[in-house]
């Protein structure tokens, strides 16, 4: 009996979800635990209840939708992702993983198939971190990386706590955080990078996730008039920051492997003025690598360049490491299930590391995990222009379906 998913139904479902919180240029805005996010969740639940699924919510708002198996005493095999978006996000980031899981459930329902183990479709809360920092905070809480009360007390830019937002949108749950225990977890996602598209490959079999370290950096020099102050007597905080950025960029570009990633995504100049030498600058630094030892070396290089920039321009420097995500290696058995399902489709694929963080990063701490990537146009994500073709979405969902069945129907 075939278990082929319905690609057109999946696409129609993706487009229907995109109508909740649409943006002017064809994207989506459903910040975590806003009315739009709640409406997206309720629509998903309507679809799932129609095919007989039940659902529960844990104390930090993670949503677990269950399709019963023949052996309810066994831990479930899970899939999922997130429905929240960036302020001007796309229609696929996170959403594809959730709705492909729904399509798997619908397909099994159409065929009258019941898996040995139960299945769970999970919607993780606040994956993007664009309302409540940090990103992936609720899957991290599920995995024990954050305390429940700490997560509930996190505030958005308006001072609203995550707990208050849960109450306001009607998704306060009583399921203990960390339940249900999962047999394994598979997550489908757009790549969010250009590699698959550039190489003409249809599927990424994701073997793990890059390590990441975030820093907040401050340079404090002396504000002074741009005209009368000689260059040799300046204490230019922005010049020091520019030196750091330039040296880190040069170091990353010199890495022949291409595995070093350095990003300075935010720059703030205190009391900025055209004819004033900047006296104080704040900068963010994002370091990433696929190998933990190389990431250690990259951090050491960053710290050396930071000190050197401060000394060269006579400014004080300070830094705080605000987030660390170690290199993640996914479970070999789960990777093998994804790879076998991909080979069965007869398409070009590659094994690859993820450059972005996903809920699977934290889930992998407590359950065997793997991911599936499909290409996205021009590698663009976190953007209204984000796009994946119907064919690639369908293919990714089919690989997900087959890999889930392999996991859920294996002997106890």
Protein backbone atom coordinates (compact mmCIF):
# COMPACT_ATOMS: atom_id res chain seq x y z
CA UNK A 1 0.00 0.00 0.00
CA UNK A 2 1.43 3.36 -1.04
CA UNK A 3 2.09 6.12 1.45
CA UNK A 4 2.60 8.89 -1.11
CA UNK A 5 1.81 12.29 0.34
CA UNK A 6 -0.45 14.77 -1.47
CA UNK A 7 1.87 17.56 -2.58
CA UNK A 8 -0.92 19.83 -3.78
CA UNK A 9 -2.75 19.53 -0.46
CA UNK A 10 0.48 20.40 1.37
CA UNK A 11 0.97 23.48 -0.83
CA UNK A 12 -2.62 24.62 -0.36
CA UNK A 13 -2.19 24.24 3.41
CA UNK A 14 1.02 26.30 3.35
CA UNK A 15 -0.73 29.07 1.43
CA UNK A 16 -3.73 28.98 3.79
CA UNK A 17 -1.46 29.43 6.82
CA UNK A 18 0.26 32.34 5.05
CA UNK A 19 -3.06 34.21 5.04
CA UNK A 20 -2.75 34.62 8.81
CA UNK A 21 -0.55 37.66 9.43
CA UNK A 22 0.27 38.42 5.79
CA UNK A 23 2.77 41.20 5.02
CA UNK A 24 2.68 43.70 2.17
CA UNK A 25 5.30 41.90 0.09
CA UNK A 26 4.03 38.33 0.31
CA UNK A 27 5.56 37.23 3.57
CA UNK A 28 4.20 36.51 7.04
CA UNK A 29 4.26 38.20 10.43
CA UNK A 30 3.24 35.96 13.32
CA UNK A 31 5.43 36.92 16.25
CA UNK A 32 5.40 34.37 19.05
CA UNK A 33 2.25 34.32 21.20
CA UNK A 34 0.58 37.24 19.43
CA UNK A 35 -3.02 36.98 18.23
CA UNK A 36 -1.67 36.02 14.78
CA UNK A 37 0.45 33.21 16.19
CA UNK A 38 -2.51 31.98 18.25
CA UNK A 39 -4.74 32.04 15.15
CA UNK A 40 -2.19 29.96 13.24
CA UNK A 41 -2.11 27.42 16.04
CA UNK A 42 -5.90 27.22 16.20
CA UNK A 43 -6.10 26.66 12.45
CA UNK A 44 -3.59 23.82 12.73
CA UNK A 45 -5.56 22.29 15.60
CA UNK A 46 -8.78 22.47 13.58
CA UNK A 47 -7.08 20.54 10.78
CA UNK A 48 -5.66 17.97 13.20
CA UNK A 49 -8.89 17.43 15.13
CA UNK A 50 -10.66 16.74 11.83
CA UNK A 51 -8.52 13.62 11.41
CA UNK A 52 -8.95 12.46 14.99
CA UNK A 53 -5.78 13.73 16.62
CA UNK A 54 -5.63 14.86 20.25
CA UNK A 55 -3.42 17.58 21.66
CA UNK A 56 -1.79 18.93 24.81
CA UNK A 57 0.18 22.05 25.73
CA UNK A 58 3.06 22.21 28.18
CA UNK A 59 3.73 25.03 30.64
CA UNK A 60 5.83 27.07 28.17
CA UNK A 61 3.32 26.72 25.33
CA UNK A 62 4.88 23.87 23.35
CA UNK A 63 2.04 22.15 21.49
CA UNK A 64 2.03 18.34 21.15
CA UNK A 65 -0.47 16.84 18.67
CA UNK A 66 -0.81 13.07 18.91
CA UNK A 67 -1.76 10.40 16.39
CA UNK A 68 -2.24 7.13 18.24
CA UNK A 69 -0.22 4.03 17.43
CA UNK A 70 -0.84 0.35 18.02
CA UNK A 71 1.48 0.44 21.03
CA UNK A 72 0.52 3.44 23.14
CA UNK A 73 2.94 2.22 25.82
CA UNK A 74 5.88 3.08 23.53
CA UNK A 75 7.42 6.55 23.35
CA UNK A 76 6.23 8.46 20.27
CA UNK A 77 8.20 9.29 17.15
CA UNK A 78 7.94 13.05 16.63
CA UNK A 79 8.23 15.67 13.94
CA UNK A 80 7.51 19.38 13.85
CA UNK A 81 9.04 22.83 13.93
CA UNK A 82 7.50 26.26 14.63
CA UNK A 83 4.75 28.56 13.37
CA UNK A 84 6.10 31.88 14.68
CA UNK A 85 7.95 34.11 12.22
CA UNK A 86 10.26 37.08 11.99
CA UNK A 87 8.54 40.52 11.82
CA UNK A 88 8.85 40.38 8.04
CA UNK A 89 9.40 36.67 7.58
CA UNK A 90 8.54 34.16 4.90
CA UNK A 91 5.94 31.47 4.38
CA UNK A 92 8.20 28.44 4.84
CA UNK A 93 10.71 28.89 7.68
CA UNK A 94 9.40 26.56 10.38
CA UNK A 95 5.94 26.41 8.85
CA UNK A 96 6.98 23.79 6.27
CA UNK A 97 8.14 21.43 9.01
CA UNK A 98 4.87 21.71 10.91
CA UNK A 99 2.55 21.44 7.92
CA UNK A 100 4.54 18.62 6.32
CA UNK A 101 3.99 16.74 9.58
CA UNK A 102 0.27 17.45 9.25
CA UNK A 103 0.38 16.14 5.67
CA UNK A 104 2.01 12.91 6.89
CA UNK A 105 -0.82 12.50 9.42
CA UNK A 106 -3.43 13.19 6.73
CA UNK A 107 -1.82 10.71 4.36
CA UNK A 108 -1.80 7.96 6.97
CA UNK A 109 -5.40 8.78 7.80
CA UNK A 110 -6.38 8.57 4.12
CA UNK A 111 -4.78 5.11 3.87
CA UNK A 112 -6.14 3.87 7.18
CA UNK A 113 -2.60 3.18 8.39
CA UNK A 114 -1.69 2.98 12.05
CA UNK A 115 1.97 3.01 13.05
CA UNK A 116 3.40 0.75 15.74
CA UNK A 117 4.54 3.68 17.84
CA UNK A 118 2.39 6.77 18.27
CA UNK A 119 3.33 9.91 16.35
CA UNK A 120 3.61 13.44 17.74
CA UNK A 121 3.50 16.67 15.75
CA UNK A 122 5.19 19.39 17.81
CA UNK A 123 4.87 23.16 17.52
CA UNK A 124 7.68 24.72 19.54
CA UNK A 125 7.05 28.15 21.06
CA UNK A 126 9.10 31.25 20.14
CA UNK A 127 11.69 29.50 17.99
CA UNK A 128 12.62 32.73 16.22
CA UNK A 129 13.38 34.68 19.37
CA UNK A 130 12.21 37.86 17.66
CA UNK A 131 9.74 38.61 20.46
CA UNK A 132 11.26 36.85 23.48
CA UNK A 133 15.04 36.29 23.55
CA UNK A 134 16.79 33.96 23.13
CA UNK A 135 15.77 31.96 20.09
CA UNK A 136 14.58 28.38 20.60
CA UNK A 137 13.86 29.14 24.25
CA UNK A 138 10.87 26.77 24.60
CA UNK A 139 12.49 23.74 22.98
CA UNK A 140 15.51 24.56 25.14
CA UNK A 141 13.27 24.54 28.21
CA UNK A 142 11.80 21.19 27.13
CA UNK A 143 15.34 19.83 26.91
CA UNK A 144 16.35 21.22 30.30
CA UNK A 145 18.64 24.00 29.08
CA UNK A 146 16.46 26.72 30.68
CA UNK A 147 14.35 26.71 33.84
CA UNK A 148 10.57 26.92 33.35
CA UNK A 149 10.09 29.97 35.57
CA UNK A 150 13.02 31.72 33.93
CA UNK A 151 11.44 31.17 30.52
CA UNK A 152 8.00 32.33 31.63
CA UNK A 153 9.51 35.54 33.04
CA UNK A 154 11.32 36.60 29.84
CA UNK A 155 10.03 39.94 28.58
CA UNK A 156 9.45 41.39 25.14
CA UNK A 157 10.25 44.98 24.11
CA UNK A 158 6.99 46.19 25.69
CA UNK A 159 7.67 44.50 29.02
CA UNK A 160 5.16 41.67 28.52
CA UNK A 161 6.36 38.37 29.92
CA UNK A 162 6.17 35.14 27.99
CA UNK A 163 3.85 33.79 30.68
CA UNK A 164 1.52 36.77 30.32
CA UNK A 165 1.51 36.35 26.54
CA UNK A 166 0.61 32.67 26.91
CA UNK A 167 -2.38 33.62 29.05
CA UNK A 168 -3.47 36.37 26.68
CA UNK A 169 -3.52 34.08 23.64
CA UNK A 170 -5.11 31.11 25.41
CA UNK A 171 -2.23 28.65 25.27
CA UNK A 172 -1.38 28.13 28.92
CA UNK A 173 -0.87 24.40 29.34
CA UNK A 174 -0.47 22.07 32.30
CA UNK A 175 1.59 19.31 30.66
CA UNK A 176 4.87 19.09 32.63
CA UNK A 177 7.76 20.47 30.62
CA UNK A 178 9.87 17.60 29.31
CA UNK A 179 6.86 15.43 28.53
CA UNK A 180 6.12 13.52 26.46
CA UNK A 181 9.43 11.72 26.23
CA UNK A 182 10.23 11.14 22.56
CA UNK A 183 11.55 8.00 20.91
CA UNK A 184 13.08 10.18 18.20
CA UNK A 185 12.55 13.47 16.39
CA UNK A 186 12.84 14.40 12.68
CA UNK A 187 12.52 18.01 11.49
CA UNK A 188 12.00 19.20 7.91
CA UNK A 189 13.16 22.74 7.12
CA UNK A 190 14.20 24.95 4.25
CA UNK A 191 17.97 25.17 4.04
CA UNK A 192 18.11 28.96 4.65
CA UNK A 193 21.29 29.02 2.57
CA UNK A 194 22.27 28.69 -1.10
CA UNK A 195 24.24 25.42 -1.21
CA UNK A 196 21.56 22.96 -2.34
CA UNK A 197 20.24 25.29 -5.03
CA UNK A 198 23.72 26.15 -6.33
CA UNK A 199 24.72 22.48 -6.51
CA UNK A 200 21.45 21.30 -8.08
CA UNK A 201 20.65 19.03 -5.15
CA UNK A 202 17.11 18.41 -3.96
CA UNK A 203 17.60 17.22 -0.38
CA UNK A 204 20.04 17.94 2.43
CA UNK A 205 20.53 15.05 4.85
CA UNK A 206 21.51 17.07 7.90
CA UNK A 207 24.13 15.43 10.09
CA UNK A 208 24.40 18.16 12.72
CA UNK A 209 24.49 21.88 13.43
CA UNK A 210 27.34 24.36 13.60
CA UNK A 211 28.49 25.60 16.97
CA UNK A 212 27.63 29.22 17.69
CA UNK A 213 28.86 31.84 20.15
CA UNK A 214 27.43 35.33 20.54
CA UNK A 215 29.20 38.31 22.08
CA UNK A 216 28.23 41.86 23.01
CA UNK A 217 31.23 44.17 22.63
CA UNK A 218 31.81 47.76 23.76
CA UNK A 219 34.50 50.22 22.69
CA UNK A 220 34.87 53.36 24.83
CA UNK A 221 37.16 56.14 23.64
CA UNK A 222 36.71 59.92 23.68
CA UNK A 223 34.25 62.05 21.74
CA UNK A 224 35.91 65.10 20.18
CA UNK A 225 35.50 67.58 17.35
CA UNK A 226 36.26 66.14 13.92
CA UNK A 227 38.17 69.23 12.76
CA UNK A 228 40.57 70.41 15.46
CA UNK A 229 41.56 66.95 16.80
CA UNK A 230 44.70 65.53 15.11
CA UNK A 231 44.44 61.94 13.94
CA UNK A 232 47.34 60.81 16.14
CA UNK A 233 45.62 62.13 19.27
CA UNK A 234 42.22 60.58 18.73
CA UNK A 235 40.56 57.80 20.69
CA UNK A 236 38.09 56.75 18.00
CA UNK A 237 35.79 53.96 19.17
CA UNK A 238 34.30 53.41 15.73
CA UNK A 239 37.72 53.09 14.10
CA UNK A 240 38.59 50.40 16.64
CA UNK A 241 35.33 48.58 15.94
CA UNK A 242 35.99 48.79 12.19
CA UNK A 243 39.47 47.33 12.72
CA UNK A 244 37.97 44.37 14.59
CA UNK A 245 35.35 43.74 11.90
CA UNK A 246 37.92 43.97 9.12
CA UNK A 247 40.39 41.61 10.79
CA UNK A 248 37.71 39.02 11.61
CA UNK A 249 36.34 39.16 8.06
CA UNK A 250 39.81 38.68 6.61
CA UNK A 251 40.45 35.72 8.92
CA UNK A 252 37.19 34.03 7.94
CA UNK A 253 37.70 34.60 4.22
CA UNK A 254 41.20 33.08 4.43
CA UNK A 255 39.77 29.77 5.68
CA UNK A 256 40.08 27.48 2.66
CA UNK A 257 37.53 25.04 4.09
CA UNK A 258 34.83 27.72 4.09
CA UNK A 259 33.62 26.50 7.50
CA UNK A 260 34.44 29.66 9.47
CA UNK A 261 31.57 32.11 9.91
CA UNK A 262 31.92 35.60 11.41
CA UNK A 263 29.08 38.13 11.51
CA UNK A 264 28.84 41.56 13.11
CA UNK A 265 25.13 42.16 12.72
CA UNK A 266 24.49 45.15 14.96
CA UNK A 267 26.42 48.39 15.43
CA UNK A 268 25.34 51.24 17.71
CA UNK A 269 27.15 54.59 17.92
CA UNK A 270 26.39 56.58 21.06
CA UNK A 271 25.31 60.17 20.28
CA UNK A 272 26.26 59.78 16.63
CA UNK A 273 27.00 62.98 14.72
CA UNK A 274 28.62 63.69 11.38
CA UNK A 275 31.39 65.89 12.76
CA UNK A 276 32.05 64.16 16.10
CA UNK A 277 34.65 61.46 16.64
CA UNK A 278 32.69 58.49 18.03
CA UNK A 279 33.42 58.06 21.69
CA UNK A 280 31.40 54.91 22.39
CA UNK A 281 30.37 52.06 20.12
CA UNK A 282 28.53 48.80 20.81
CA UNK A 283 28.88 45.85 18.47
CA UNK A 284 27.59 42.28 18.26
CA UNK A 285 29.81 39.40 17.15
CA UNK A 286 28.50 36.02 15.99
CA UNK A 287 31.09 33.22 15.59
CA UNK A 288 30.27 29.83 14.06
CA UNK A 289 32.13 26.69 13.02
CA UNK A 290 31.38 23.03 12.38
CA UNK A 291 34.14 21.81 14.73
CA UNK A 292 34.27 22.68 18.43
CA UNK A 293 38.08 22.88 18.55
CA UNK A 294 38.09 25.25 15.58
CA UNK A 295 35.40 27.33 17.26
CA UNK A 296 37.63 27.57 20.34
CA UNK A 297 40.44 28.78 18.09
CA UNK A 298 38.13 31.26 16.38
CA UNK A 299 37.09 32.71 19.73
CA UNK A 300 40.75 33.03 20.74
CA UNK A 301 41.47 34.86 17.47
CA UNK A 302 38.50 37.19 18.06
CA UNK A 303 39.70 37.99 21.60
CA UNK A 304 43.21 38.72 20.30
CA UNK A 305 41.91 41.03 17.57
CA UNK A 306 39.60 42.78 20.04
CA UNK A 307 42.49 43.59 22.38
CA UNK A 308 44.70 44.66 19.47
CA UNK A 309 42.03 47.01 18.09
CA UNK A 310 41.60 48.65 21.47
CA UNK A 311 45.33 49.14 21.86
CA UNK A 312 45.80 50.46 18.32
CA UNK A 313 43.22 53.22 18.76
CA UNK A 314 43.63 53.92 22.46
CA UNK A 315 40.16 52.87 23.50
CA UNK A 316 38.89 50.64 26.29
CA UNK A 317 37.24 47.38 25.25
CA UNK A 318 34.87 45.07 27.08
CA UNK A 319 32.91 42.03 26.03
CA UNK A 320 30.29 39.59 27.29
CA UNK A 321 29.61 36.17 25.85
CA UNK A 322 25.82 36.03 25.96
CA UNK A 323 25.02 32.72 24.24
CA UNK A 324 26.77 29.45 23.46
CA UNK A 325 25.44 26.60 21.35
CA UNK A 326 27.93 23.74 21.00
CA UNK A 327 28.44 21.84 17.77
CA UNK A 328 25.65 19.26 17.50
CA UNK A 329 26.02 15.80 15.96
CA UNK A 330 22.69 14.17 15.12
CA UNK A 331 21.90 10.50 15.78
CA UNK A 332 23.36 8.05 13.23
CA UNK A 333 20.21 5.88 13.16
CA UNK A 334 17.99 8.88 12.42
CA UNK A 335 20.39 10.18 9.78
CA UNK A 336 20.37 6.73 8.17
CA UNK A 337 16.56 6.69 8.06
CA UNK A 338 16.52 10.08 6.32
CA UNK A 339 19.27 9.06 3.89
CA UNK A 340 17.50 5.79 2.98
CA UNK A 341 14.24 7.65 2.38
CA UNK A 342 16.07 10.16 0.19
CA UNK A 343 17.83 7.48 -1.87
CA UNK A 344 14.47 5.80 -2.50
CA UNK A 345 13.35 8.99 -4.25
CA UNK A 346 16.24 8.82 -6.72
CA UNK A 347 17.21 12.48 -6.35
CA UNK A 348 20.51 14.24 -5.89
CA UNK A 349 21.30 15.01 -2.27
CA UNK A 350 24.15 15.77 0.08
CA UNK A 351 25.03 15.19 3.70
CA UNK A 352 25.52 18.60 5.29
CA UNK A 353 25.77 20.53 8.53
CA UNK A 354 23.20 23.19 9.30
CA UNK A 355 24.51 26.72 9.56
CA UNK A 356 21.44 27.94 11.45
CA UNK A 357 20.02 26.98 14.81
CA UNK A 358 16.79 24.98 14.99
CA UNK A 359 14.64 23.44 17.71
CA UNK A 360 16.28 20.14 16.75
CA UNK A 361 19.48 21.46 18.37
CA UNK A 362 17.93 21.28 21.84
CA UNK A 363 15.73 18.24 21.19
CA UNK A 364 18.86 16.29 20.22
CA UNK A 365 19.97 16.56 23.86
CA UNK A 366 17.09 14.35 25.00
CA UNK A 367 16.08 12.26 21.95
CA UNK A 368 17.74 10.82 18.81
CA UNK A 369 17.32 13.52 16.16
CA UNK A 370 17.98 14.36 12.51
CA UNK A 371 16.89 16.98 10.00
CA UNK A 372 15.91 17.21 6.34
CA UNK A 373 16.63 20.30 4.23
CA UNK A 374 15.05 21.38 0.95
CA UNK A 375 16.40 24.23 -1.20
CA UNK A 376 15.10 27.78 -0.93
CA UNK A 377 15.39 30.30 -3.73
CA UNK A 378 18.70 32.23 -3.68
CA UNK A 379 19.26 30.93 -0.16
CA UNK A 380 17.03 33.71 1.20
CA UNK A 381 15.22 33.30 4.52
CA UNK A 382 14.01 35.57 7.35
CA UNK A 383 12.71 37.68 4.50
CA UNK A 384 9.38 38.17 2.72
CA UNK A 385 11.05 36.93 -0.48
CA UNK A 386 11.67 33.49 1.05
CA UNK A 387 10.45 30.79 -1.36
CA UNK A 388 10.61 27.04 -1.84
CA UNK A 389 8.99 25.36 -4.84
CA UNK A 390 5.91 23.15 -4.47
CA UNK A 391 7.97 20.27 -5.86
CA UNK A 392 10.71 20.62 -3.26
CA UNK A 393 8.20 21.02 -0.43
CA UNK A 394 6.43 17.86 -1.60
CA UNK A 395 9.68 15.93 -1.92
CA UNK A 396 10.81 16.98 1.55
CA UNK A 397 7.46 15.90 3.01
CA UNK A 398 7.71 12.53 1.26
CA UNK A 399 11.19 11.92 2.65
CA UNK A 400 9.90 12.94 6.07
CA UNK A 401 6.94 10.56 5.76
CA UNK A 402 9.07 7.59 4.78
CA UNK A 403 11.70 8.26 7.46
CA UNK A 404 9.01 8.65 10.13
CA UNK A 405 7.45 5.34 9.12
CA UNK A 406 10.86 3.64 9.33
CA UNK A 407 11.28 4.94 12.87
CA UNK A 408 7.70 4.39 14.01
CA UNK A 409 7.28 0.85 12.66
CA UNK A 410 10.58 -0.67 13.76
CA UNK A 411 10.32 -3.52 16.28
CA UNK A 412 10.02 -2.55 19.93
